[in-house]
PDB file of N, CA and C in Angstrom:
ATOM      1  N   MET A   1       0.850  -1.173   0.000  1.00  0.00           N
ATOM      2  CA  MET A   1       0.000   0.000   0.000  1.00  0.00           C
ATOM      3  C   MET A   1       0.893   1.232   0.000  1.00  0.00           C
ATOM      4  N   ARG A   2       0.578   2.172  -0.863  1.00  0.00           N
ATOM      5  CA  ARG A   2       1.338   3.413  -0.944  1.00  0.00           C
ATOM      6  C   ARG A   2       0.542   4.530  -0.274  1.00  0.00           C
ATOM      7  N   ILE A   3       1.180   5.274   0.582  1.00  0.00           N
ATOM      8  CA  ILE A   3       0.534   6.380   1.286  1.00  0.00           C
ATOM      9  C   ILE A   3       0.858   7.677   0.550  1.00  0.00           C
ATOM     10  N   ALA A   4      -0.156   8.502   0.378  1.00  0.00           N
ATOM     11  CA  ALA A   4       0.029   9.797  -0.285  1.00  0.00           C
ATOM     12  C   ALA A   4       0.884  10.707   0.578  1.00  0.00           C
ATOM     13  N   PRO A   5       1.712  11.564  -0.056  1.00  0.00           N
ATOM     14  CA  PRO A   5       2.534  12.503   0.709  1.00  0.00           C
ATOM     15  C   PRO A   5       1.669  13.450   1.533  1.00  0.00           C
ATOM     16  N   ARG A   6       2.256  13.956   2.598  1.00  0.00           N
ATOM     17  CA  ARG A   6       1.543  14.895   3.472  1.00  0.00           C
ATOM     18  C   ARG A   6       1.015  16.066   2.651  1.00  0.00           C
ATOM     19  N   GLY A   7      -0.228  16.420   2.871  1.00  0.00           N
ATOM     20  CA  GLY A   7      -0.838  17.531   2.159  1.00  0.00           C
ATOM     21  C   GLY A   7      -1.475  17.119   0.830  1.00  0.00           C
ATOM     22  N   ALA A   8      -1.257  15.887   0.398  1.00  0.00           N
ATOM     23  CA  ALA A   8      -1.856  15.437  -0.862  1.00  0.00           C
ATOM     24  C   ALA A   8      -3.346  15.209  -0.658  1.00  0.00           C
ATOM     25  N   LEU A   9      -4.105  15.512  -1.670  1.00  0.00           N
ATOM     26  CA  LEU A   9      -5.546  15.362  -1.581  1.00  0.00           C
ATOM     27  C   LEU A   9      -6.030  14.055  -2.185  1.00  0.00           C
ATOM     28  N   LEU A  10      -5.114  13.273  -2.719  1.00  0.00           N
ATOM     29  CA  LEU A  10      -5.515  12.102  -3.470  1.00  0.00           C
ATOM     30  C   LEU A  10      -4.681  10.897  -3.087  1.00  0.00           C
ATOM     31  N   TYR A  11      -5.329   9.784  -2.900  1.00  0.00           N
ATOM     32  CA  TYR A  11      -4.654   8.519  -2.672  1.00  0.00           C
ATOM     33  C   TYR A  11      -4.938   7.630  -3.871  1.00  0.00           C
ATOM     34  N   GLU A  12      -3.912   6.996  -4.415  1.00  0.00           N
ATOM     35  CA  GLU A  12      -4.087   6.100  -5.558  1.00  0.00           C
ATOM     36  C   GLU A  12      -3.521   4.736  -5.226  1.00  0.00           C
ATOM     37  N   ARG A  13      -4.187   3.718  -5.772  1.00  0.00           N
ATOM     38  CA  ARG A  13      -3.699   2.355  -5.631  1.00  0.00           C
ATOM     39  C   ARG A  13      -3.591   1.764  -7.024  1.00  0.00           C
ATOM     40  N   ARG A  14      -2.445   1.173  -7.335  1.00  0.00           N
ATOM     41  CA  ARG A  14      -2.192   0.605  -8.657  1.00  0.00           C
ATOM     42  C   ARG A  14      -2.843  -0.774  -8.768  1.00  0.00           C
ATOM     43  N   LEU A  15      -3.494  -1.011  -9.904  1.00  0.00           N
ATOM     44  CA  LEU A  15      -4.144  -2.283 -10.206  1.00  0.00           C
ATOM     45  C   LEU A  15      -3.495  -2.850 -11.466  1.00  0.00           C
ATOM     46  N   ASP A  16      -2.913  -4.042 -11.376  1.00  0.00           N
ATOM     47  CA  ASP A  16      -2.134  -4.589 -12.477  1.00  0.00           C
ATOM     48  C   ASP A  16      -2.807  -5.724 -13.243  1.00  0.00           C
ATOM     49  N   SER A  17      -4.090  -5.938 -13.040  1.00  0.00           N
ATOM     50  CA  SER A  17      -4.770  -7.007 -13.771  1.00  0.00           C
ATOM     51  C   SER A  17      -6.248  -6.654 -13.935  1.00  0.00           C
ATOM     52  N   PHE A  18      -6.867  -7.288 -14.920  1.00  0.00           N
ATOM     53  CA  PHE A  18      -8.294  -7.056 -15.110  1.00  0.00           C
ATOM     54  C   PHE A  18      -9.087  -7.571 -13.913  1.00  0.00           C
ATOM     55  N   SER A  19      -8.676  -8.689 -13.332  1.00  0.00           N
ATOM     56  CA  SER A  19      -9.422  -9.207 -12.184  1.00  0.00           C
ATOM     57  C   SER A  19      -9.376  -8.215 -11.013  1.00  0.00           C
ATOM     58  N   ALA A  20      -8.201  -7.624 -10.759  1.00  0.00           N
ATOM     59  CA  ALA A  20      -8.101  -6.615  -9.692  1.00  0.00           C
ATOM     60  C   ALA A  20      -8.923  -5.379 -10.040  1.00  0.00           C
ATOM     61  N   LEU A  21      -8.910  -4.995 -11.305  1.00  0.00           N
ATOM     62  CA  LEU A  21      -9.681  -3.836 -11.764  1.00  0.00           C
ATOM     63  C   LEU A  21     -11.171  -4.054 -11.557  1.00  0.00           C
ATOM     64  N   PHE A  22     -11.678  -5.221 -11.937  1.00  0.00           N
ATOM     65  CA  PHE A  22     -13.112  -5.476 -11.822  1.00  0.00           C
ATOM     66  C   PHE A  22     -13.539  -5.665 -10.369  1.00  0.00           C
ATOM     67  N   GLU A  23     -12.673  -6.226  -9.537  1.00  0.00           N
ATOM     68  CA  GLU A  23     -12.977  -6.323  -8.105  1.00  0.00           C
ATOM     69  C   GLU A  23     -13.069  -4.935  -7.486  1.00  0.00           C
ATOM     70  N   GLU A  24     -12.142  -4.060  -7.865  1.00  0.00           N
ATOM     71  CA  GLU A  24     -12.166  -2.687  -7.354  1.00  0.00           C
ATOM     72  C   GLU A  24     -13.416  -1.954  -7.835  1.00  0.00           C
ATOM     73  N   ALA A  25     -13.808  -2.173  -9.082  1.00  0.00           N
ATOM     74  CA  ALA A  25     -14.997  -1.518  -9.635  1.00  0.00           C
ATOM     75  C   ALA A  25     -16.251  -1.900  -8.853  1.00  0.00           C
ATOM     76  N   LYS A  26     -16.331  -3.141  -8.402  1.00  0.00           N
ATOM     77  CA  LYS A  26     -17.497  -3.599  -7.634  1.00  0.00           C
ATOM     78  C   LYS A  26     -17.651  -2.848  -6.319  1.00  0.00           C
ATOM     79  N   SER A  27     -16.518  -2.422  -5.747  1.00  0.00           N
ATOM     80  CA  SER A  27     -16.569  -1.801  -4.423  1.00  0.00           C
ATOM     81  C   SER A  27     -16.319  -0.294  -4.445  1.00  0.00           C
ATOM     82  N   LEU A  28     -16.414   0.338  -5.616  1.00  0.00           N
ATOM     83  CA  LEU A  28     -16.179   1.783  -5.704  1.00  0.00           C
ATOM     84  C   LEU A  28     -17.177   2.567  -4.870  1.00  0.00           C
ATOM     85  N   ASP A  29     -16.660   3.513  -4.120  1.00  0.00           N
ATOM     86  CA  ASP A  29     -17.532   4.465  -3.434  1.00  0.00           C
ATOM     87  C   ASP A  29     -17.945   5.530  -4.442  1.00  0.00           C
ATOM     88  N   GLU A  30     -18.953   6.308  -4.097  1.00  0.00           N
ATOM     89  CA  GLU A  30     -19.448   7.320  -5.025  1.00  0.00           C
ATOM     90  C   GLU A  30     -18.500   8.502  -5.188  1.00  0.00           C
ATOM     91  N   ASP A  31     -17.526   8.645  -4.316  1.00  0.00           N
ATOM     92  CA  ASP A  31     -16.544   9.717  -4.474  1.00  0.00           C
ATOM     93  C   ASP A  31     -15.191   9.169  -4.933  1.00  0.00           C
ATOM     94  N   ALA A  32     -15.171   7.951  -5.434  1.00  0.00           N
ATOM     95  CA  ALA A  32     -13.946   7.306  -5.900  1.00  0.00           C
ATOM     96  C   ALA A  32     -14.046   7.054  -7.402  1.00  0.00           C
ATOM     97  N   GLY A  33     -12.968   6.561  -7.973  1.00  0.00           N
ATOM     98  CA  GLY A  33     -12.989   6.262  -9.392  1.00  0.00           C
ATOM     99  C   GLY A  33     -11.797   5.420  -9.803  1.00  0.00           C
ATOM    100  N   LEU A  34     -11.770   5.096 -11.073  1.00  0.00           N
ATOM    101  CA  LEU A  34     -10.686   4.340 -11.670  1.00  0.00           C
ATOM    102  C   LEU A  34     -10.180   5.118 -12.866  1.00  0.00           C
ATOM    103  N   ARG A  35      -8.884   5.015 -13.133  1.00  0.00           N
ATOM    104  CA  ARG A  35      -8.352   5.617 -14.353  1.00  0.00           C
ATOM    105  C   ARG A  35      -7.334   4.681 -14.956  1.00  0.00           C
ATOM    106  N   MET A  36      -7.254   4.718 -16.278  1.00  0.00           N
ATOM    107  CA  MET A  36      -6.313   3.875 -16.991  1.00  0.00           C
ATOM    108  C   MET A  36      -6.094   4.460 -18.376  1.00  0.00           C
ATOM    109  N   SER A  37      -5.079   3.984 -19.055  1.00  0.00           N
ATOM    110  CA  SER A  37      -4.824   4.371 -20.435  1.00  0.00           C
ATOM    111  C   SER A  37      -5.354   3.284 -21.344  1.00  0.00           C
ATOM    112  N   GLY A  38      -5.742   3.678 -22.549  1.00  0.00           N
ATOM    113  CA  GLY A  38      -6.243   2.701 -23.500  1.00  0.00           C
ATOM    114  C   GLY A  38      -6.288   3.272 -24.890  1.00  0.00           C
ATOM    115  N   ARG A  39      -7.164   2.713 -25.718  1.00  0.00           N
ATOM    116  CA  ARG A  39      -7.326   3.160 -27.098  1.00  0.00           C
ATOM    117  C   ARG A  39      -8.814   3.262 -27.407  1.00  0.00           C
ATOM    118  N   TYR A  40      -9.165   4.338 -28.095  1.00  0.00           N
ATOM    119  CA  TYR A  40     -10.550   4.553 -28.521  1.00  0.00           C
ATOM    120  C   TYR A  40     -10.504   5.151 -29.919  1.00  0.00           C
ATOM    121  N   ALA A  41     -11.207   4.548 -30.856  1.00  0.00           N
ATOM    122  CA  ALA A  41     -11.269   5.027 -32.240  1.00  0.00           C
ATOM    123  C   ALA A  41      -9.868   5.247 -32.817  1.00  0.00           C
ATOM    124  N   GLY A  42      -8.954   4.318 -32.513  1.00  0.00           N
ATOM    125  CA  GLY A  42      -7.608   4.402 -33.051  1.00  0.00           C
ATOM    126  C   GLY A  42      -6.700   5.419 -32.387  1.00  0.00           C
ATOM    127  N   ARG A  43      -7.137   6.020 -31.301  1.00  0.00           N
ATOM    128  CA  ARG A  43      -6.353   7.050 -30.606  1.00  0.00           C
ATOM    129  C   ARG A  43      -5.977   6.587 -29.206  1.00  0.00           C
ATOM    130  N   SER A  44      -4.833   7.077 -28.732  1.00  0.00           N
ATOM    131  CA  SER A  44      -4.482   6.860 -27.332  1.00  0.00           C
ATOM    132  C   SER A  44      -5.418   7.704 -26.481  1.00  0.00           C
ATOM    133  N   CYS A  45      -5.844   7.130 -25.366  1.00  0.00           N
ATOM    134  CA  CYS A  45      -6.801   7.862 -24.535  1.00  0.00           C
ATOM    135  C   CYS A  45      -6.610   7.534 -23.069  1.00  0.00           C
ATOM    136  N   TYR A  46      -7.235   8.368 -22.241  1.00  0.00           N
ATOM    137  CA  TYR A  46      -7.372   8.108 -20.824  1.00  0.00           C
ATOM    138  C   TYR A  46      -8.823   7.710 -20.594  1.00  0.00           C
ATOM    139  N   ILE A  47      -9.023   6.728 -19.734  1.00  0.00           N
ATOM    140  CA  ILE A  47     -10.362   6.224 -19.436  1.00  0.00           C
ATOM    141  C   ILE A  47     -10.607   6.406 -17.944  1.00  0.00           C
ATOM    142  N   PHE A  48     -11.729   7.011 -17.607  1.00  0.00           N
ATOM    143  CA  PHE A  48     -12.114   7.226 -16.216  1.00  0.00           C
ATOM    144  C   PHE A  48     -13.431   6.520 -15.963  1.00  0.00           C
ATOM    145  N   VAL A  49     -13.524   5.813 -14.844  1.00  0.00           N
ATOM    146  CA  VAL A  49     -14.746   5.086 -14.479  1.00  0.00           C
ATOM    147  C   VAL A  49     -15.194   5.578 -13.116  1.00  0.00           C
ATOM    148  N   THR A  50     -16.466   5.938 -13.020  1.00  0.00           N
ATOM    149  CA  THR A  50     -17.066   6.311 -11.736  1.00  0.00           C
ATOM    150  C   THR A  50     -18.331   5.492 -11.555  1.00  0.00           C
ATOM    151  N   ARG A  51     -18.845   5.511 -10.349  1.00  0.00           N
ATOM    152  CA  ARG A  51     -20.055   4.733 -10.058  1.00  0.00           C
ATOM    153  C   ARG A  51     -20.993   5.571  -9.204  1.00  0.00           C
ATOM    154  N   PHE A  52     -22.263   5.501  -9.536  1.00  0.00           N
ATOM    155  CA  PHE A  52     -23.292   6.134  -8.719  1.00  0.00           C
ATOM    156  C   PHE A  52     -24.388   5.104  -8.518  1.00  0.00           C
ATOM    157  N   GLY A  53     -24.584   4.682  -7.288  1.00  0.00           N
ATOM    158  CA  GLY A  53     -25.531   3.603  -7.032  1.00  0.00           C
ATOM    159  C   GLY A  53     -24.995   2.319  -7.655  1.00  0.00           C
ATOM    160  N   ARG A  54     -25.800   1.712  -8.508  1.00  0.00           N
ATOM    161  CA  ARG A  54     -25.367   0.479  -9.172  1.00  0.00           C
ATOM    162  C   ARG A  54     -24.910   0.719 -10.601  1.00  0.00           C
ATOM    163  N   ALA A  55     -24.970   1.958 -11.063  1.00  0.00           N
ATOM    164  CA  ALA A  55     -24.639   2.279 -12.457  1.00  0.00           C
ATOM    165  C   ALA A  55     -23.244   2.893 -12.562  1.00  0.00           C
ATOM    166  N   TYR A  56     -22.556   2.550 -13.632  1.00  0.00           N
ATOM    167  CA  TYR A  56     -21.210   3.060 -13.907  1.00  0.00           C
ATOM    168  C   TYR A  56     -21.256   4.064 -15.045  1.00  0.00           C
ATOM    169  N   THR A  57     -20.324   5.006 -15.004  1.00  0.00           N
ATOM    170  CA  THR A  57     -20.105   5.944 -16.099  1.00  0.00           C
ATOM    171  C   THR A  57     -18.655   5.799 -16.536  1.00  0.00           C
ATOM    172  N   VAL A  58     -18.454   5.697 -17.843  1.00  0.00           N
ATOM    173  CA  VAL A  58     -17.110   5.612 -18.413  1.00  0.00           C
ATOM    174  C   VAL A  58     -16.908   6.847 -19.274  1.00  0.00           C
ATOM    175  N   MET A  59     -15.844   7.601 -18.991  1.00  0.00           N
ATOM    176  CA  MET A  59     -15.517   8.793 -19.772  1.00  0.00           C
ATOM    177  C   MET A  59     -14.169   8.566 -20.442  1.00  0.00           C
ATOM    178  N   VAL A  60     -14.099   8.890 -21.722  1.00  0.00           N
ATOM    179  CA  VAL A  60     -12.883   8.677 -22.501  1.00  0.00           C
ATOM    180  C   VAL A  60     -12.387  10.033 -22.981  1.00  0.00           C
ATOM    181  N   TYR A  61     -11.119  10.326 -22.670  1.00  0.00           N
ATOM    182  CA  TYR A  61     -10.507  11.595 -23.054  1.00  0.00           C
ATOM    183  C   TYR A  61      -9.270  11.344 -23.900  1.00  0.00           C
ATOM    184  N   GLU A  62      -9.048  12.217 -24.842  1.00  0.00           N
ATOM    185  CA  GLU A  62      -7.876  12.156 -25.702  1.00  0.00           C
ATOM    186  C   GLU A  62      -6.609  12.248 -24.846  1.00  0.00           C
ATOM    187  N   ARG A  63      -5.605  11.475 -25.240  1.00  0.00           N
ATOM    188  CA  ARG A  63      -4.305  11.533 -24.574  1.00  0.00           C
ATOM    189  C   ARG A  63      -3.333  12.198 -25.539  1.00  0.00           C
ATOM    190  N   PRO A  64      -2.979  13.454 -25.284  1.00  0.00           N
ATOM    191  CA  PRO A  64      -2.070  14.154 -26.182  1.00  0.00           C
ATOM    192  C   PRO A  64      -0.750  13.399 -26.316  1.00  0.00           C
ATOM    193  N   SER A  65      -0.119  13.521 -27.459  1.00  0.00           N
ATOM    194  CA  SER A  65       1.146  12.828 -27.685  1.00  0.00           C
ATOM    195  C   SER A  65       2.231  13.369 -26.767  1.00  0.00           C
ATOM    196  N   GLY A  66       3.256  12.600 -26.602  1.00  0.00           N
ATOM    197  CA  GLY A  66       4.343  12.996 -25.715  1.00  0.00           C
ATOM    198  C   GLY A  66       4.152  12.401 -24.338  1.00  0.00           C
ATOM    199  N   LYS A  67       5.021  12.759 -23.425  1.00  0.00           N
ATOM    200  CA  LYS A  67       4.980  12.180 -22.090  1.00  0.00           C
ATOM    201  C   LYS A  67       4.208  13.031 -21.097  1.00  0.00           C
ATOM    202  N   GLY A  68       3.606  14.099 -21.550  1.00  0.00           N
ATOM    203  CA  GLY A  68       2.834  14.939 -20.647  1.00  0.00           C
ATOM    204  C   GLY A  68       1.642  14.195 -20.092  1.00  0.00           C
ATOM    205  N   LYS A  69       1.197  14.576 -18.924  1.00  0.00           N
ATOM    206  CA  LYS A  69       0.066  13.904 -18.293  1.00  0.00           C
ATOM    207  C   LYS A  69      -1.191  14.745 -18.371  1.00  0.00           C
ATOM    208  N   THR A  70      -1.289  15.560 -19.400  1.00  0.00           N
ATOM    209  CA  THR A  70      -2.482  16.382 -19.560  1.00  0.00           C
ATOM    210  C   THR A  70      -3.569  15.568 -20.240  1.00  0.00           C
ATOM    211  N   VAL A  71      -4.779  15.995 -20.052  1.00  0.00           N
ATOM    212  CA  VAL A  71      -5.938  15.346 -20.656  1.00  0.00           C
ATOM    213  C   VAL A  71      -6.444  16.237 -21.772  1.00  0.00           C
ATOM    214  N   GLY A  72      -6.701  15.648 -22.927  1.00  0.00           N
ATOM    215  CA  GLY A  72      -7.214  16.392 -24.068  1.00  0.00           C
ATOM    216  C   GLY A  72      -8.725  16.465 -24.052  1.00  0.00           C
ATOM    217  N   ARG A  73      -9.287  16.585 -25.222  1.00  0.00           N
ATOM    218  CA  ARG A  73     -10.749  16.741 -25.318  1.00  0.00           C
ATOM    219  C   ARG A  73     -11.467  15.424 -25.065  1.00  0.00           C
ATOM    220  N   ARG A  74     -12.720  15.533 -24.655  1.00  0.00           N
ATOM    221  CA  ARG A  74     -13.509  14.346 -24.370  1.00  0.00           C
ATOM    222  C   ARG A  74     -13.911  13.679 -25.684  1.00  0.00           C
ATOM    223  N   LEU A  75     -13.704  12.376 -25.762  1.00  0.00           N
ATOM    224  CA  LEU A  75     -14.039  11.608 -26.962  1.00  0.00           C
ATOM    225  C   LEU A  75     -15.365  10.868 -26.832  1.00  0.00           C
ATOM    226  N   ALA A  76     -15.693  10.407 -25.629  1.00  0.00           N
ATOM    227  CA  ALA A  76     -16.927   9.631 -25.451  1.00  0.00           C
ATOM    228  C   ALA A  76     -17.329   9.586 -23.982  1.00  0.00           C
ATOM    229  N   VAL A  77     -18.615   9.420 -23.760  1.00  0.00           N
ATOM    230  CA  VAL A  77     -19.174   9.192 -22.425  1.00  0.00           C
ATOM    231  C   VAL A  77     -20.199   8.084 -22.559  1.00  0.00           C
ATOM    232  N   MET A  78     -20.073   7.063 -21.728  1.00  0.00           N
ATOM    233  CA  MET A  78     -21.048   5.981 -21.680  1.00  0.00           C
ATOM    234  C   MET A  78     -21.614   5.948 -20.268  1.00  0.00           C
ATOM    235  N   GLU A  79     -22.906   6.196 -20.146  1.00  0.00           N
ATOM    236  CA  GLU A  79     -23.535   6.313 -18.832  1.00  0.00           C
ATOM    237  C   GLU A  79     -24.503   5.171 -18.574  1.00  0.00           C
ATOM    238  N   HIS A  80     -24.820   4.990 -17.292  1.00  0.00           N
ATOM    239  CA  HIS A  80     -25.827   4.024 -16.842  1.00  0.00           C
ATOM    240  C   HIS A  80     -25.478   2.591 -17.242  1.00  0.00           C
ATOM    241  N   LEU A  81     -24.191   2.253 -17.158  1.00  0.00           N
ATOM    242  CA  LEU A  81     -23.748   0.901 -17.483  1.00  0.00           C
ATOM    243  C   LEU A  81     -23.915  -0.023 -16.287  1.00  0.00           C
ATOM    244  N   GLU A  82     -24.351  -1.218 -16.531  1.00  0.00           N
ATOM    245  CA  GLU A  82     -24.420  -2.252 -15.500  1.00  0.00           C
ATOM    246  C   GLU A  82     -23.038  -2.904 -15.388  1.00  0.00           C
ATOM    247  N   ALA A  83     -22.791  -3.606 -14.299  1.00  0.00           N
ATOM    248  CA  ALA A  83     -21.498  -4.269 -14.096  1.00  0.00           C
ATOM    249  C   ALA A  83     -21.191  -5.239 -15.227  1.00  0.00           C
ATOM    250  N   ASN A  84     -22.197  -5.947 -15.724  1.00  0.00           N
ATOM    251  CA  ASN A  84     -21.955  -6.916 -16.803  1.00  0.00           C
ATOM    252  C   ASN A  84     -21.658  -6.237 -18.138  1.00  0.00           C
ATOM    253  N   GLU A  85     -21.956  -4.955 -18.278  1.00  0.00           N
ATOM    254  CA  GLU A  85     -21.610  -4.195 -19.480  1.00  0.00           C
ATOM    255  C   GLU A  85     -20.231  -3.550 -19.360  1.00  0.00           C
ATOM    256  N   LEU A  86     -19.808  -3.283 -18.138  1.00  0.00           N
ATOM    257  CA  LEU A  86     -18.546  -2.609 -17.899  1.00  0.00           C
ATOM    258  C   LEU A  86     -17.346  -3.473 -18.308  1.00  0.00           C
ATOM    259  N   GLN A  87     -17.371  -4.738 -17.938  1.00  0.00           N
ATOM    260  CA  GLN A  87     -16.225  -5.604 -18.206  1.00  0.00           C
ATOM    261  C   GLN A  87     -15.895  -5.729 -19.688  1.00  0.00           C
ATOM    262  N   PRO A  88     -16.841  -6.075 -20.555  1.00  0.00           N
ATOM    263  CA  PRO A  88     -16.470  -6.186 -21.980  1.00  0.00           C
ATOM    264  C   PRO A  88     -16.051  -4.849 -22.587  1.00  0.00           C
ATOM    265  N   LEU A  89     -16.642  -3.759 -22.126  1.00  0.00           N
ATOM    266  CA  LEU A  89     -16.267  -2.443 -22.638  1.00  0.00           C
ATOM    267  C   LEU A  89     -14.819  -2.128 -22.292  1.00  0.00           C
ATOM    268  N   LEU A  90     -14.428  -2.328 -21.033  1.00  0.00           N
ATOM    269  CA  LEU A  90     -13.058  -2.026 -20.629  1.00  0.00           C
ATOM    270  C   LEU A  90     -12.054  -2.956 -21.298  1.00  0.00           C
ATOM    271  N   ARG A  91     -12.412  -4.200 -21.505  1.00  0.00           N
ATOM    272  CA  ARG A  91     -11.513  -5.124 -22.211  1.00  0.00           C
ATOM    273  C   ARG A  91     -11.295  -4.677 -23.653  1.00  0.00           C
ATOM    274  N   LYS A  92     -12.305  -4.057 -24.243  1.00  0.00           N
ATOM    275  CA  LYS A  92     -12.185  -3.545 -25.605  1.00  0.00           C
ATOM    276  C   LYS A  92     -11.334  -2.265 -25.639  1.00  0.00           C
ATOM    277  N   LEU A  93     -11.528  -1.388 -24.644  1.00  0.00           N
ATOM    278  CA  LEU A  93     -10.816  -0.107 -24.602  1.00  0.00           C
ATOM    279  C   LEU A  93      -9.364  -0.237 -24.145  1.00  0.00           C
ATOM    280  N   VAL A  94      -9.067  -1.285 -23.385  1.00  0.00           N
ATOM    281  CA  VAL A  94      -7.715  -1.479 -22.856  1.00  0.00           C
ATOM    282  C   VAL A  94      -7.155  -2.785 -23.428  1.00  0.00           C
ATOM    283  N   PRO A  95      -6.592  -2.715 -24.622  1.00  0.00           N
ATOM    284  CA  PRO A  95      -6.047  -3.936 -25.214  1.00  0.00           C
ATOM    285  C   PRO A  95      -4.754  -4.345 -24.511  1.00  0.00           C
ATOM    286  N   GLY A  96      -4.558  -5.623 -24.353  1.00  0.00           N
ATOM    287  CA  GLY A  96      -3.329  -6.098 -23.721  1.00  0.00           C
ATOM    288  C   GLY A  96      -3.364  -5.962 -22.212  1.00  0.00           C
ATOM    289  N   ARG A  97      -2.204  -5.733 -21.649  1.00  0.00           N
ATOM    290  CA  ARG A  97      -2.037  -5.659 -20.193  1.00  0.00           C
ATOM    291  C   ARG A  97      -2.613  -4.364 -19.641  1.00  0.00           C
ATOM    292  N   VAL A  98      -3.319  -4.478 -18.549  1.00  0.00           N
ATOM    293  CA  VAL A  98      -3.921  -3.296 -17.929  1.00  0.00           C
ATOM    294  C   VAL A  98      -3.037  -2.793 -16.787  1.00  0.00           C
ATOM    295  N   VAL A  99      -2.907  -1.474 -16.738  1.00  0.00           N
ATOM    296  CA  VAL A  99      -2.327  -0.777 -15.583  1.00  0.00           C
ATOM    297  C   VAL A  99      -3.326   0.320 -15.257  1.00  0.00           C
ATOM    298  N   ALA A 100      -4.024   0.149 -14.166  1.00  0.00           N
ATOM    299  CA  ALA A 100      -5.071   1.096 -13.782  1.00  0.00           C
ATOM    300  C   ALA A 100      -4.779   1.601 -12.371  1.00  0.00           C
ATOM    301  N   TYR A 101      -5.460   2.674 -12.015  1.00  0.00           N
ATOM    302  CA  TYR A 101      -5.296   3.254 -10.685  1.00  0.00           C
ATOM    303  C   TYR A 101      -6.668   3.514 -10.096  1.00  0.00           C
ATOM    304  N   SER A 102      -6.819   3.166  -8.843  1.00  0.00           N
ATOM    305  CA  SER A 102      -8.030   3.442  -8.071  1.00  0.00           C
ATOM    306  C   SER A 102      -7.749   4.685  -7.244  1.00  0.00           C
ATOM    307  N   TYR A 103      -8.673   5.635  -7.266  1.00  0.00           N
ATOM    308  CA  TYR A 103      -8.486   6.857  -6.470  1.00  0.00           C
ATOM    309  C   TYR A 103      -9.727   7.179  -5.695  1.00  0.00           C
TER     310      TYR A 103
END
């Protein structure tokens, strides 16, 4: 477990597998979320997942080229997803090995 530095407003936990990602998604609080890198419409992107009640929202943002950690324009939003819809969507958006963060 990694502890955030003093004064930090955010705690993140690294998730290195789809099974860990989906387990974390099941237990997300309403003020928490998941983020990961992936591909959407042939572009590199950042993917954010939040949950409200039993429904998930997936937001996809452009990932500008280079090593900067800025977020570009929004490419897609998928709302009111059930847990059984979330898994195949994320497997499609994150090809290969997943590296995600829970915050």
